[in-house]
Amino acid sequence: MTSPAVDTNTLCLFDVDGTLTAPRQSIQEYLGEEILQDFINFCLEYMAKIKLPKKRGTFIEFRNGMLNISPIGRSCSQQERIEFFELDKGGNDYEIYSDPRTVGHKVETPDDTQRICEELFFS
């Protein structure tokens, strides 16, 4: 059995609870410490290069099932959060989703995500 060709031009983004890890599953257990640290190091290095009007600490918050990554920092004030929100054009991936180079897929449930992935990559 031959392996399918790797499509290096495809980027998949999903934003539905439970699509990548089971509910309440530890991201540390799921990824393993080495991969988790590599990812955190990548994020910190990337964010260190971003020039923002303000940065206020706690850039990565470790949670059981996810990492909350905040370029401005979780310690910012409400006013600073509003300023960042305006700079960030809404704080979501809508710009990526709506870009003409992107083929976006709206999902409502993890089952939608699985169905679309199977159609795209395994049919």
PDB file of N, CA and C in Angstrom:
ATOM      1  N   MET A   1       0.849  -1.178   0.000  1.00  0.00           N
ATOM      2  CA  MET A   1       0.000   0.000   0.000  1.00  0.00           C
ATOM      3  C   MET A   1       0.890   1.235   0.000  1.00  0.00           C
ATOM      4  N   THR A   2       0.673   2.132  -0.940  1.00  0.00           N
ATOM      5  CA  THR A   2       1.469   3.351  -1.013  1.00  0.00           C
ATOM      6  C   THR A   2       0.809   4.461  -0.225  1.00  0.00           C
ATOM      7  N   SER A   3       1.626   5.335   0.316  1.00  0.00           N
ATOM      8  CA  SER A   3       1.116   6.477   1.074  1.00  0.00           C
ATOM      9  C   SER A   3       0.592   7.525   0.118  1.00  0.00           C
ATOM     10  N   PRO A   4      -0.478   8.246   0.513  1.00  0.00           N
ATOM     11  CA  PRO A   4      -0.977   9.319  -0.351  1.00  0.00           C
ATOM     12  C   PRO A   4       0.026  10.457  -0.423  1.00  0.00           C
ATOM     13  N   ALA A   5      -0.011  11.193  -1.530  1.00  0.00           N
ATOM     14  CA  ALA A   5       0.881  12.340  -1.694  1.00  0.00           C
ATOM     15  C   ALA A   5       0.569  13.393  -0.647  1.00  0.00           C
ATOM     16  N   VAL A   6       1.590  14.064  -0.161  1.00  0.00           N
ATOM     17  CA  VAL A   6       1.423  15.115   0.827  1.00  0.00           C
ATOM     18  C   VAL A   6       1.124  16.422   0.109  1.00  0.00           C
ATOM     19  N   ASP A   7       0.068  17.093   0.497  1.00  0.00           N
ATOM     20  CA  ASP A   7      -0.311  18.379  -0.090  1.00  0.00           C
ATOM     21  C   ASP A   7       0.248  19.479   0.787  1.00  0.00           C
ATOM     22  N   THR A   8       1.364  20.079   0.381  1.00  0.00           N
ATOM     23  CA  THR A   8       2.007  21.119   1.199  1.00  0.00           C
ATOM     24  C   THR A   8       1.366  22.478   1.001  1.00  0.00           C
ATOM     25  N   ASN A   9       0.354  22.573   0.155  1.00  0.00           N
ATOM     26  CA  ASN A   9      -0.332  23.843  -0.079  1.00  0.00           C
ATOM     27  C   ASN A   9      -1.617  23.969   0.712  1.00  0.00           C
ATOM     28  N   THR A  10      -1.922  22.987   1.535  1.00  0.00           N
ATOM     29  CA  THR A  10      -3.180  22.983   2.281  1.00  0.00           C
ATOM     30  C   THR A  10      -2.923  23.277   3.751  1.00  0.00           C
ATOM     31  N   LEU A  11      -3.681  24.228   4.284  1.00  0.00           N
ATOM     32  CA  LEU A  11      -3.660  24.549   5.704  1.00  0.00           C
ATOM     33  C   LEU A  11      -5.077  24.382   6.212  1.00  0.00           C
ATOM     34  N   CYS A  12      -5.255  23.576   7.244  1.00  0.00           N
ATOM     35  CA  CYS A  12      -6.585  23.344   7.797  1.00  0.00           C
ATOM     36  C   CYS A  12      -6.698  24.046   9.146  1.00  0.00           C
ATOM     37  N   LEU A  13      -7.739  24.851   9.309  1.00  0.00           N
ATOM     38  CA  LEU A  13      -8.013  25.519  10.568  1.00  0.00           C
ATOM     39  C   LEU A  13      -9.385  25.083  11.052  1.00  0.00           C
ATOM     40  N   PHE A  14      -9.476  24.699  12.320  1.00  0.00           N
ATOM     41  CA  PHE A  14     -10.744  24.289  12.909  1.00  0.00           C
ATOM     42  C   PHE A  14     -10.923  25.020  14.219  1.00  0.00           C
ATOM     43  N   ASP A  15     -12.126  25.429  14.485  1.00  0.00           N
ATOM     44  CA  ASP A  15     -12.403  26.175  15.701  1.00  0.00           C
ATOM     45  C   ASP A  15     -13.699  25.677  16.328  1.00  0.00           C
ATOM     46  N   VAL A  16     -13.735  24.389  16.613  1.00  0.00           N
ATOM     47  CA  VAL A  16     -14.898  23.780  17.252  1.00  0.00           C
ATOM     48  C   VAL A  16     -14.391  23.001  18.459  1.00  0.00           C
ATOM     49  N   ASP A  17     -14.990  23.208  19.617  1.00  0.00           N
ATOM     50  CA  ASP A  17     -14.559  22.505  20.822  1.00  0.00           C
ATOM     51  C   ASP A  17     -14.541  21.005  20.599  1.00  0.00           C
ATOM     52  N   GLY A  18     -13.453  20.375  20.998  1.00  0.00           N
ATOM     53  CA  GLY A  18     -13.369  18.928  20.982  1.00  0.00           C
ATOM     54  C   GLY A  18     -12.918  18.319  19.675  1.00  0.00           C
ATOM     55  N   THR A  19     -12.527  19.109  18.681  1.00  0.00           N
ATOM     56  CA  THR A  19     -12.153  18.528  17.394  1.00  0.00           C
ATOM     57  C   THR A  19     -10.762  17.913  17.420  1.00  0.00           C
ATOM     58  N   LEU A  20      -9.853  18.466  18.197  1.00  0.00           N
ATOM     59  CA  LEU A  20      -8.490  17.954  18.185  1.00  0.00           C
ATOM     60  C   LEU A  20      -8.148  17.115  19.404  1.00  0.00           C
ATOM     61  N   THR A  21      -8.729  17.387  20.519  1.00  0.00           N
ATOM     62  CA  THR A  21      -8.519  16.582  21.715  1.00  0.00           C
ATOM     63  C   THR A  21      -9.880  16.293  22.324  1.00  0.00           C
ATOM     64  N   ALA A  22      -9.983  15.169  22.947  1.00  0.00           N
ATOM     65  CA  ALA A  22     -11.248  14.806  23.581  1.00  0.00           C
ATOM     66  C   ALA A  22     -11.542  15.791  24.712  1.00  0.00           C
ATOM     67  N   PRO A  23     -12.819  16.053  25.008  1.00  0.00           N
ATOM     68  CA  PRO A  23     -13.143  16.957  26.114  1.00  0.00           C
ATOM     69  C   PRO A  23     -12.457  16.507  27.396  1.00  0.00           C
ATOM     70  N   ARG A  24     -11.908  17.501  28.114  1.00  0.00           N
ATOM     71  CA  ARG A  24     -11.228  17.283  29.384  1.00  0.00           C
ATOM     72  C   ARG A  24      -9.925  16.482  29.274  1.00  0.00           C
ATOM     73  N   GLN A  25      -9.475  16.191  28.055  1.00  0.00           N
ATOM     74  CA  GLN A  25      -8.207  15.505  27.887  1.00  0.00           C
ATOM     75  C   GLN A  25      -7.079  16.510  28.042  1.00  0.00           C
ATOM     76  N   SER A  26      -6.049  16.135  28.735  1.00  0.00           N
ATOM     77  CA  SER A  26      -4.906  17.009  28.945  1.00  0.00           C
ATOM     78  C   SER A  26      -4.130  17.167  27.642  1.00  0.00           C
ATOM     79  N   ILE A  27      -3.894  18.428  27.252  1.00  0.00           N
ATOM     80  CA  ILE A  27      -3.103  18.680  26.051  1.00  0.00           C
ATOM     81  C   ILE A  27      -1.679  18.181  26.247  1.00  0.00           C
ATOM     82  N   GLN A  28      -1.210  18.205  27.478  1.00  0.00           N
ATOM     83  CA  GLN A  28       0.135  17.716  27.783  1.00  0.00           C
ATOM     84  C   GLN A  28       0.217  16.207  27.551  1.00  0.00           C
ATOM     85  N   GLU A  29      -0.795  15.471  27.990  1.00  0.00           N
ATOM     86  CA  GLU A  29      -0.823  14.025  27.764  1.00  0.00           C
ATOM     87  C   GLU A  29      -1.003  13.710  26.282  1.00  0.00           C
ATOM     88  N   TYR A  30      -1.820  14.507  25.595  1.00  0.00           N
ATOM     89  CA  TYR A  30      -2.122  14.258  24.182  1.00  0.00           C
ATOM     90  C   TYR A  30      -0.909  14.496  23.296  1.00  0.00           C
ATOM     91  N   LEU A  31      -0.204  15.614  23.500  1.00  0.00           N
ATOM     92  CA  LEU A  31       0.935  15.966  22.657  1.00  0.00           C
ATOM     93  C   LEU A  31       2.252  15.400  23.156  1.00  0.00           C
ATOM     94  N   GLY A  32       2.391  15.284  24.468  1.00  0.00           N
ATOM     95  CA  GLY A  32       3.674  14.922  25.056  1.00  0.00           C
ATOM     96  C   GLY A  32       4.468  16.175  25.362  1.00  0.00           C
ATOM     97  N   GLU A  33       5.302  16.093  26.372  1.00  0.00           N
ATOM     98  CA  GLU A  33       6.029  17.273  26.848  1.00  0.00           C
ATOM     99  C   GLU A  33       6.969  17.861  25.799  1.00  0.00           C
ATOM    100  N   GLU A  34       7.651  17.013  25.043  1.00  0.00           N
ATOM    101  CA  GLU A  34       8.630  17.520  24.074  1.00  0.00           C
ATOM    102  C   GLU A  34       7.944  18.340  22.974  1.00  0.00           C
ATOM    103  N   ILE A  35       6.877  17.823  22.397  1.00  0.00           N
ATOM    104  CA  ILE A  35       6.162  18.549  21.347  1.00  0.00           C
ATOM    105  C   ILE A  35       5.525  19.811  21.923  1.00  0.00           C
ATOM    106  N   LEU A  36       4.969  19.701  23.115  1.00  0.00           N
ATOM    107  CA  LEU A  36       4.341  20.855  23.763  1.00  0.00           C
ATOM    108  C   LEU A  36       5.360  21.978  23.968  1.00  0.00           C
ATOM    109  N   GLN A  37       6.539  21.641  24.462  1.00  0.00           N
ATOM    110  CA  GLN A  37       7.567  22.667  24.672  1.00  0.00           C
ATOM    111  C   GLN A  37       8.070  23.249  23.356  1.00  0.00           C
ATOM    112  N   ASP A  38       8.213  22.408  22.339  1.00  0.00           N
ATOM    113  CA  ASP A  38       8.624  22.922  21.025  1.00  0.00           C
ATOM    114  C   ASP A  38       7.603  23.932  20.513  1.00  0.00           C
ATOM    115  N   PHE A  39       6.319  23.626  20.668  1.00  0.00           N
ATOM    116  CA  PHE A  39       5.265  24.526  20.211  1.00  0.00           C
ATOM    117  C   PHE A  39       5.267  25.833  21.007  1.00  0.00           C
ATOM    118  N   ILE A  40       5.393  25.729  22.329  1.00  0.00           N
ATOM    119  CA  ILE A  40       5.428  26.923  23.181  1.00  0.00           C
ATOM    120  C   ILE A  40       6.641  27.788  22.815  1.00  0.00           C
ATOM    121  N   ASN A  41       7.785  27.167  22.624  1.00  0.00           N
ATOM    122  CA  ASN A  41       8.987  27.917  22.238  1.00  0.00           C
ATOM    123  C   ASN A  41       8.794  28.620  20.896  1.00  0.00           C
ATOM    124  N   PHE A  42       8.178  27.937  19.938  1.00  0.00           N
ATOM    125  CA  PHE A  42       7.899  28.555  18.642  1.00  0.00           C
ATOM    126  C   PHE A  42       7.007  29.782  18.822  1.00  0.00           C
ATOM    127  N   CYS A  43       5.938  29.631  19.614  1.00  0.00           N
ATOM    128  CA  CYS A  43       5.003  30.750  19.831  1.00  0.00           C
ATOM    129  C   CYS A  43       5.695  31.934  20.497  1.00  0.00           C
ATOM    130  N   LEU A  44       6.490  31.665  21.518  1.00  0.00           N
ATOM    131  CA  LEU A  44       7.189  32.747  22.220  1.00  0.00           C
ATOM    132  C   LEU A  44       8.174  33.458  21.292  1.00  0.00           C
ATOM    133  N   GLU A  45       8.902  32.685  20.496  1.00  0.00           N
ATOM    134  CA  GLU A  45       9.852  33.299  19.559  1.00  0.00           C
ATOM    135  C   GLU A  45       9.113  34.139  18.517  1.00  0.00           C
ATOM    136  N   TYR A  46       8.017  33.621  18.000  1.00  0.00           N
ATOM    137  CA  TYR A  46       7.230  34.348  17.010  1.00  0.00           C
ATOM    138  C   TYR A  46       6.661  35.631  17.604  1.00  0.00           C
ATOM    139  N   MET A  47       6.082  35.543  18.801  1.00  0.00           N
ATOM    140  CA  MET A  47       5.485  36.724  19.425  1.00  0.00           C
ATOM    141  C   MET A  47       6.531  37.759  19.816  1.00  0.00           C
ATOM    142  N   ALA A  48       7.755  37.324  20.101  1.00  0.00           N
ATOM    143  CA  ALA A  48       8.816  38.264  20.450  1.00  0.00           C
ATOM    144  C   ALA A  48       9.148  39.191  19.284  1.00  0.00           C
ATOM    145  N   LYS A  49       8.856  38.750  18.074  1.00  0.00           N
ATOM    146  CA  LYS A  49       9.157  39.544  16.877  1.00  0.00           C
ATOM    147  C   LYS A  49       8.014  40.473  16.486  1.00  0.00           C
ATOM    148  N   ILE A  50       6.852  40.309  17.091  1.00  0.00           N
ATOM    149  CA  ILE A  50       5.698  41.138  16.749  1.00  0.00           C
ATOM    150  C   ILE A  50       5.800  42.467  17.486  1.00  0.00           C
ATOM    151  N   LYS A  51       5.683  43.546  16.752  1.00  0.00           N
ATOM    152  CA  LYS A  51       5.696  44.884  17.361  1.00  0.00           C
ATOM    153  C   LYS A  51       4.249  45.322  17.557  1.00  0.00           C
ATOM    154  N   LEU A  52       3.855  45.494  18.807  1.00  0.00           N
ATOM    155  CA  LEU A  52       2.512  45.942  19.165  1.00  0.00           C
ATOM    156  C   LEU A  52       2.625  47.226  19.974  1.00  0.00           C
ATOM    157  N   PRO A  53       1.554  48.000  20.034  1.00  0.00           N
ATOM    158  CA  PRO A  53       1.607  49.218  20.854  1.00  0.00           C
ATOM    159  C   PRO A  53       1.944  48.922  22.320  1.00  0.00           C
ATOM    160  N   LYS A  54       1.484  47.770  22.823  1.00  0.00           N
ATOM    161  CA  LYS A  54       1.752  47.394  24.218  1.00  0.00           C
ATOM    162  C   LYS A  54       1.817  45.879  24.341  1.00  0.00           C
ATOM    163  N   LYS A  55       2.615  45.405  25.317  1.00  0.00           N
ATOM    164  CA  LYS A  55       2.651  43.990  25.687  1.00  0.00           C
ATOM    165  C   LYS A  55       2.624  43.940  27.211  1.00  0.00           C
ATOM    166  N   ARG A  56       1.802  43.027  27.772  1.00  0.00           N
ATOM    167  CA  ARG A  56       1.568  43.062  29.214  1.00  0.00           C
ATOM    168  C   ARG A  56       1.644  41.715  29.926  1.00  0.00           C
ATOM    169  N   GLY A  57       2.504  40.832  29.545  1.00  0.00           N
ATOM    170  CA  GLY A  57       2.757  39.622  30.312  1.00  0.00           C
ATOM    171  C   GLY A  57       1.708  38.530  30.184  1.00  0.00           C
ATOM    172  N   THR A  58       2.080  37.329  30.636  1.00  0.00           N
ATOM    173  CA  THR A  58       1.285  36.105  30.527  1.00  0.00           C
ATOM    174  C   THR A  58       0.831  35.921  29.080  1.00  0.00           C
ATOM    175  N   PHE A  59       1.789  35.646  28.223  1.00  0.00           N
ATOM    176  CA  PHE A  59       1.520  35.504  26.794  1.00  0.00           C
ATOM    177  C   PHE A  59       0.991  34.121  26.450  1.00  0.00           C
ATOM    178  N   ILE A  60       1.340  33.130  27.256  1.00  0.00           N
ATOM    179  CA  ILE A  60       0.817  31.782  27.053  1.00  0.00           C
ATOM    180  C   ILE A  60       0.285  31.289  28.384  1.00  0.00           C
ATOM    181  N   GLU A  61      -0.999  30.963  28.399  1.00  0.00           N
ATOM    182  CA  GLU A  61      -1.639  30.436  29.598  1.00  0.00           C
ATOM    183  C   GLU A  61      -1.930  28.957  29.360  1.00  0.00           C
ATOM    184  N   PHE A  62      -1.335  28.112  30.181  1.00  0.00           N
ATOM    185  CA  PHE A  62      -1.512  26.671  30.054  1.00  0.00           C
ATOM    186  C   PHE A  62      -2.824  26.281  30.714  1.00  0.00           C
ATOM    187  N   ARG A  63      -3.706  25.685  29.943  1.00  0.00           N
ATOM    188  CA  ARG A  63      -4.964  25.156  30.471  1.00  0.00           C
ATOM    189  C   ARG A  63      -4.968  23.655  30.232  1.00  0.00           C
ATOM    190  N   ASN A  64      -5.842  22.952  30.889  1.00  0.00           N
ATOM    191  CA  ASN A  64      -5.842  21.500  30.784  1.00  0.00           C
ATOM    192  C   ASN A  64      -5.982  21.022  29.338  1.00  0.00           C
ATOM    193  N   GLY A  65      -6.961  21.520  28.614  1.00  0.00           N
ATOM    194  CA  GLY A  65      -7.227  21.025  27.275  1.00  0.00           C
ATOM    195  C   GLY A  65      -6.719  21.910  26.164  1.00  0.00           C
ATOM    196  N   MET A  66      -6.032  23.011  26.492  1.00  0.00           N
ATOM    197  CA  MET A  66      -5.596  23.931  25.444  1.00  0.00           C
ATOM    198  C   MET A  66      -4.539  24.891  25.972  1.00  0.00           C
ATOM    199  N   LEU A  67      -3.925  25.602  25.045  1.00  0.00           N
ATOM    200  CA  LEU A  67      -3.051  26.719  25.395  1.00  0.00           C
ATOM    201  C   LEU A  67      -3.762  27.981  24.936  1.00  0.00           C
ATOM    202  N   ASN A  68      -3.846  28.975  25.818  1.00  0.00           N
ATOM    203  CA  ASN A  68      -4.403  30.265  25.432  1.00  0.00           C
ATOM    204  C   ASN A  68      -3.216  31.166  25.118  1.00  0.00           C
ATOM    205  N   ILE A  69      -3.091  31.531  23.844  1.00  0.00           N
ATOM    206  CA  ILE A  69      -1.949  32.319  23.378  1.00  0.00           C
ATOM    207  C   ILE A  69      -2.424  33.724  23.077  1.00  0.00           C
ATOM    208  N   SER A  70      -1.800  34.713  23.736  1.00  0.00           N
ATOM    209  CA  SER A  70      -2.230  36.099  23.625  1.00  0.00           C
ATOM    210  C   SER A  70      -1.026  36.993  23.341  1.00  0.00           C
ATOM    211  N   PRO A  71      -0.893  37.509  22.103  1.00  0.00           N
ATOM    212  CA  PRO A  71       0.264  38.353  21.772  1.00  0.00           C
ATOM    213  C   PRO A  71       0.385  39.608  22.631  1.00  0.00           C
ATOM    214  N   ILE A  72      -0.742  40.192  23.063  1.00  0.00           N
ATOM    215  CA  ILE A  72      -0.690  41.380  23.921  1.00  0.00           C
ATOM    216  C   ILE A  72      -0.435  40.993  25.376  1.00  0.00           C
ATOM    217  N   GLY A  73      -0.815  39.805  25.755  1.00  0.00           N
ATOM    218  CA  GLY A  73      -0.650  39.335  27.126  1.00  0.00           C
ATOM    219  C   GLY A  73      -1.955  39.382  27.902  1.00  0.00           C
ATOM    220  N   ARG A  74      -2.169  38.369  28.717  1.00  0.00           N
ATOM    221  CA  ARG A  74      -3.409  38.248  29.488  1.00  0.00           C
ATOM    222  C   ARG A  74      -3.489  39.285  30.603  1.00  0.00           C
ATOM    223  N   SER A  75      -2.385  39.934  30.932  1.00  0.00           N
ATOM    224  CA  SER A  75      -2.355  40.911  32.027  1.00  0.00           C
ATOM    225  C   SER A  75      -2.718  42.321  31.584  1.00  0.00           C
ATOM    226  N   CYS A  76      -3.176  42.503  30.360  1.00  0.00           N
ATOM    227  CA  CYS A  76      -3.495  43.842  29.874  1.00  0.00           C
ATOM    228  C   CYS A  76      -4.784  44.355  30.521  1.00  0.00           C
ATOM    229  N   SER A  77      -4.929  45.669  30.528  1.00  0.00           N
ATOM    230  CA  SER A  77      -6.143  46.294  31.067  1.00  0.00           C
ATOM    231  C   SER A  77      -7.278  46.178  30.046  1.00  0.00           C
ATOM    232  N   GLN A  78      -8.487  46.496  30.463  1.00  0.00           N
ATOM    233  CA  GLN A  78      -9.623  46.458  29.544  1.00  0.00           C
ATOM    234  C   GLN A  78      -9.425  47.437  28.390  1.00  0.00           C
ATOM    235  N   GLN A  79      -8.908  48.612  28.674  1.00  0.00           N
ATOM    236  CA  GLN A  79      -8.650  49.595  27.608  1.00  0.00           C
ATOM    237  C   GLN A  79      -7.604  49.073  26.626  1.00  0.00           C
ATOM    238  N   GLU A  80      -6.540  48.471  27.141  1.00  0.00           N
ATOM    239  CA  GLU A  80      -5.514  47.902  26.269  1.00  0.00           C
ATOM    240  C   GLU A  80      -6.084  46.744  25.442  1.00  0.00           C
ATOM    241  N   ARG A  81      -6.982  45.973  26.043  1.00  0.00           N
ATOM    242  CA  ARG A  81      -7.643  44.879  25.329  1.00  0.00           C
ATOM    243  C   ARG A  81      -8.482  45.424  24.162  1.00  0.00           C
ATOM    244  N   ILE A  82      -9.188  46.524  24.395  1.00  0.00           N
ATOM    245  CA  ILE A  82      -9.990  47.166  23.350  1.00  0.00           C
ATOM    246  C   ILE A  82      -9.088  47.669  22.225  1.00  0.00           C
ATOM    247  N   GLU A  83      -7.960  48.296  22.587  1.00  0.00           N
ATOM    248  CA  GLU A  83      -7.015  48.785  21.579  1.00  0.00           C
ATOM    249  C   GLU A  83      -6.477  47.629  20.731  1.00  0.00           C
ATOM    250  N   PHE A  84      -6.146  46.520  21.385  1.00  0.00           N
ATOM    251  CA  PHE A  84      -5.627  45.363  20.654  1.00  0.00           C
ATOM    252  C   PHE A  84      -6.716  44.770  19.754  1.00  0.00           C
ATOM    253  N   PHE A  85      -7.940  44.696  20.261  1.00  0.00           N
ATOM    254  CA  PHE A  85      -9.068  44.187  19.488  1.00  0.00           C
ATOM    255  C   PHE A  85      -9.229  44.973  18.189  1.00  0.00           C
ATOM    256  N   GLU A  86      -9.118  46.301  18.282  1.00  0.00           N
ATOM    257  CA  GLU A  86      -9.247  47.147  17.095  1.00  0.00           C
ATOM    258  C   GLU A  86      -8.087  46.921  16.132  1.00  0.00           C
ATOM    259  N   LEU A  87      -6.887  46.733  16.644  1.00  0.00           N
ATOM    260  CA  LEU A  87      -5.716  46.460  15.819  1.00  0.00           C
ATOM    261  C   LEU A  87      -5.819  45.089  15.171  1.00  0.00           C
ATOM    262  N   ASP A  88      -6.407  44.150  15.865  1.00  0.00           N
ATOM    263  CA  ASP A  88      -6.496  42.757  15.436  1.00  0.00           C
ATOM    264  C   ASP A  88      -7.673  42.530  14.472  1.00  0.00           C
ATOM    265  N   LYS A  89      -8.548  43.504  14.009  1.00  0.00           N
ATOM    266  CA  LYS A  89      -9.711  43.359  13.126  1.00  0.00           C
ATOM    267  C   LYS A  89     -10.668  42.286  13.612  1.00  0.00           C
ATOM    268  N   GLY A  90     -10.993  42.259  14.942  1.00  0.00           N
ATOM    269  CA  GLY A  90     -12.000  41.349  15.485  1.00  0.00           C
ATOM    270  C   GLY A  90     -11.463  40.169  16.257  1.00  0.00           C
ATOM    271  N   GLY A  91     -10.160  39.854  16.237  1.00  0.00           N
ATOM    272  CA  GLY A  91      -9.564  38.816  17.058  1.00  0.00           C
ATOM    273  C   GLY A  91      -9.937  37.397  16.682  1.00  0.00           C
ATOM    274  N   ASN A  92     -10.232  37.144  15.434  1.00  0.00           N
ATOM    275  CA  ASN A  92     -10.567  35.793  15.039  1.00  0.00           C
ATOM    276  C   ASN A  92      -9.902  35.484  13.705  1.00  0.00           C
ATOM    277  N   ASP A  93     -10.206  34.350  13.137  1.00  0.00           N
ATOM    278  CA  ASP A  93      -9.593  33.939  11.886  1.00  0.00           C
ATOM    279  C   ASP A  93     -10.438  34.274  10.670  1.00  0.00           C
ATOM    280  N   TYR A  94     -11.375  35.209  10.812  1.00  0.00           N
ATOM    281  CA  TYR A  94     -12.276  35.528   9.712  1.00  0.00           C
ATOM    282  C   TYR A  94     -11.517  36.010   8.482  1.00  0.00           C
ATOM    283  N   GLU A  95     -10.457  36.808   8.693  1.00  0.00           N
ATOM    284  CA  GLU A  95      -9.692  37.321   7.560  1.00  0.00           C
ATOM    285  C   GLU A  95      -9.073  36.179   6.762  1.00  0.00           C
ATOM    286  N   ILE A  96      -8.580  35.160   7.451  1.00  0.00           N
ATOM    287  CA  ILE A  96      -8.023  33.993   6.761  1.00  0.00           C
ATOM    288  C   ILE A  96      -9.142  33.258   6.031  1.00  0.00           C
ATOM    289  N   TYR A  97     -10.246  33.024   6.718  1.00  0.00           N
ATOM    290  CA  TYR A  97     -11.383  32.286   6.162  1.00  0.00           C
ATOM    291  C   TYR A  97     -11.950  32.969   4.918  1.00  0.00           C
ATOM    292  N   SER A  98     -12.007  34.294   4.925  1.00  0.00           N
ATOM    293  CA  SER A  98     -12.643  35.030   3.829  1.00  0.00           C
ATOM    294  C   SER A  98     -11.667  35.437   2.716  1.00  0.00           C
ATOM    295  N   ASP A  99     -10.382  35.166   2.874  1.00  0.00           N
ATOM    296  CA  ASP A  99      -9.399  35.502   1.853  1.00  0.00           C
ATOM    297  C   ASP A  99      -9.693  34.705   0.578  1.00  0.00           C
ATOM    298  N   PRO A 100      -9.576  35.337  -0.603  1.00  0.00           N
ATOM    299  CA  PRO A 100      -9.882  34.630  -1.849  1.00  0.00           C
ATOM    300  C   PRO A 100      -8.990  33.418  -2.109  1.00  0.00           C
ATOM    301  N   ARG A 101      -7.840  33.346  -1.458  1.00  0.00           N
ATOM    302  CA  ARG A 101      -6.945  32.192  -1.636  1.00  0.00           C
ATOM    303  C   ARG A 101      -7.348  31.007  -0.764  1.00  0.00           C
ATOM    304  N   THR A 102      -8.341  31.208   0.091  1.00  0.00           N
ATOM    305  CA  THR A 102      -8.758  30.187   1.048  1.00  0.00           C
ATOM    306  C   THR A 102     -10.070  29.548   0.627  1.00  0.00           C
ATOM    307  N   VAL A 103     -10.133  28.228   0.762  1.00  0.00           N
ATOM    308  CA  VAL A 103     -11.400  27.515   0.615  1.00  0.00           C
ATOM    309  C   VAL A 103     -11.849  27.199   2.031  1.00  0.00           C
ATOM    310  N   GLY A 104     -12.808  27.968   2.536  1.00  0.00           N
ATOM    311  CA  GLY A 104     -13.271  27.817   3.910  1.00  0.00           C
ATOM    312  C   GLY A 104     -14.417  26.831   4.010  1.00  0.00           C
ATOM    313  N   HIS A 105     -14.500  26.174   5.147  1.00  0.00           N
ATOM    314  CA  HIS A 105     -15.581  25.226   5.420  1.00  0.00           C
ATOM    315  C   HIS A 105     -16.166  25.565   6.782  1.00  0.00           C
ATOM    316  N   LYS A 106     -17.425  25.972   6.814  1.00  0.00           N
ATOM    317  CA  LYS A 106     -18.084  26.269   8.073  1.00  0.00           C
ATOM    318  C   LYS A 106     -18.509  24.955   8.723  1.00  0.00           C
ATOM    319  N   VAL A 107     -18.175  24.816   9.995  1.00  0.00           N
ATOM    320  CA  VAL A 107     -18.562  23.614  10.738  1.00  0.00           C
ATOM    321  C   VAL A 107     -19.341  24.019  11.974  1.00  0.00           C
ATOM    322  N   GLU A 108     -20.236  23.168  12.370  1.00  0.00           N
ATOM    323  CA  GLU A 108     -21.040  23.404  13.563  1.00  0.00           C
ATOM    324  C   GLU A 108     -20.683  22.436  14.686  1.00  0.00           C
ATOM    325  N   THR A 109     -20.197  21.259  14.323  1.00  0.00           N
ATOM    326  CA  THR A 109     -19.911  20.216  15.312  1.00  0.00           C
ATOM    327  C   THR A 109     -18.614  19.505  14.948  1.00  0.00           C
ATOM    328  N   PRO A 110     -18.051  18.774  15.889  1.00  0.00           N
ATOM    329  CA  PRO A 110     -16.883  17.944  15.556  1.00  0.00           C
ATOM    330  C   PRO A 110     -17.188  16.932  14.450  1.00  0.00           C
ATOM    331  N   ASP A 111     -18.419  16.437  14.402  1.00  0.00           N
ATOM    332  CA  ASP A 111     -18.788  15.497  13.335  1.00  0.00           C
ATOM    333  C   ASP A 111     -18.701  16.154  11.963  1.00  0.00           C
ATOM    334  N   ASP A 112     -19.097  17.438  11.856  1.00  0.00           N
ATOM    335  CA  ASP A 112     -18.954  18.177  10.597  1.00  0.00           C
ATOM    336  C   ASP A 112     -17.491  18.224  10.175  1.00  0.00           C
ATOM    337  N   THR A 113     -16.624  18.524  11.127  1.00  0.00           N
ATOM    338  CA  THR A 113     -15.192  18.614  10.852  1.00  0.00           C
ATOM    339  C   THR A 113     -14.657  17.277  10.354  1.00  0.00           C
ATOM    340  N   GLN A 114     -15.028  16.205  11.038  1.00  0.00           N
ATOM    341  CA  GLN A 114     -14.566  14.877  10.639  1.00  0.00           C
ATOM    342  C   GLN A 114     -15.068  14.524   9.240  1.00  0.00           C
ATOM    343  N   ARG A 115     -16.344  14.787   8.961  1.00  0.00           N
ATOM    344  CA  ARG A 115     -16.934  14.475   7.653  1.00  0.00           C
ATOM    345  C   ARG A 115     -16.190  15.222   6.539  1.00  0.00           C
ATOM    346  N   ILE A 116     -15.954  16.530   6.739  1.00  0.00           N
ATOM    347  CA  ILE A 116     -15.279  17.329   5.719  1.00  0.00           C
ATOM    348  C   ILE A 116     -13.840  16.856   5.511  1.00  0.00           C
ATOM    349  N   CYS A 117     -13.138  16.559   6.582  1.00  0.00           N
ATOM    350  CA  CYS A 117     -11.761  16.056   6.460  1.00  0.00           C
ATOM    351  C   CYS A 117     -11.720  14.740   5.693  1.00  0.00           C
ATOM    352  N   GLU A 118     -12.668  13.846   6.005  1.00  0.00           N
ATOM    353  CA  GLU A 118     -12.707  12.576   5.289  1.00  0.00           C
ATOM    354  C   GLU A 118     -12.984  12.784   3.807  1.00  0.00           C
ATOM    355  N   GLU A 119     -13.901  13.720   3.478  1.00  0.00           N
ATOM    356  CA  GLU A 119     -14.191  14.016   2.077  1.00  0.00           C
ATOM    357  C   GLU A 119     -12.986  14.616   1.362  1.00  0.00           C
ATOM    358  N   LEU A 120     -12.271  15.522   2.043  1.00  0.00           N
ATOM    359  CA  LEU A 120     -11.143  16.212   1.416  1.00  0.00           C
ATOM    360  C   LEU A 120      -9.904  15.331   1.286  1.00  0.00           C
ATOM    361  N   PHE A 121      -9.614  14.538   2.317  1.00  0.00           N
ATOM    362  CA  PHE A 121      -8.333  13.863   2.367  1.00  0.00           C
ATOM    363  C   PHE A 121      -8.378  12.359   2.172  1.00  0.00           C
ATOM    364  N   PHE A 122      -9.558  11.753   2.261  1.00  0.00           N
ATOM    365  CA  PHE A 122      -9.604  10.292   2.196  1.00  0.00           C
ATOM    366  C   PHE A 122     -10.567   9.761   1.139  1.00  0.00           C
ATOM    367  N   SER A 123     -11.022  10.614   0.218  1.00  0.00           N
ATOM    368  CA  SER A 123     -11.909  10.096  -0.820  1.00  0.00           C
ATOM    369  C   SER A 123     -11.211  10.035  -2.150  1.00  0.00           C
TER     370      SER A 123
END
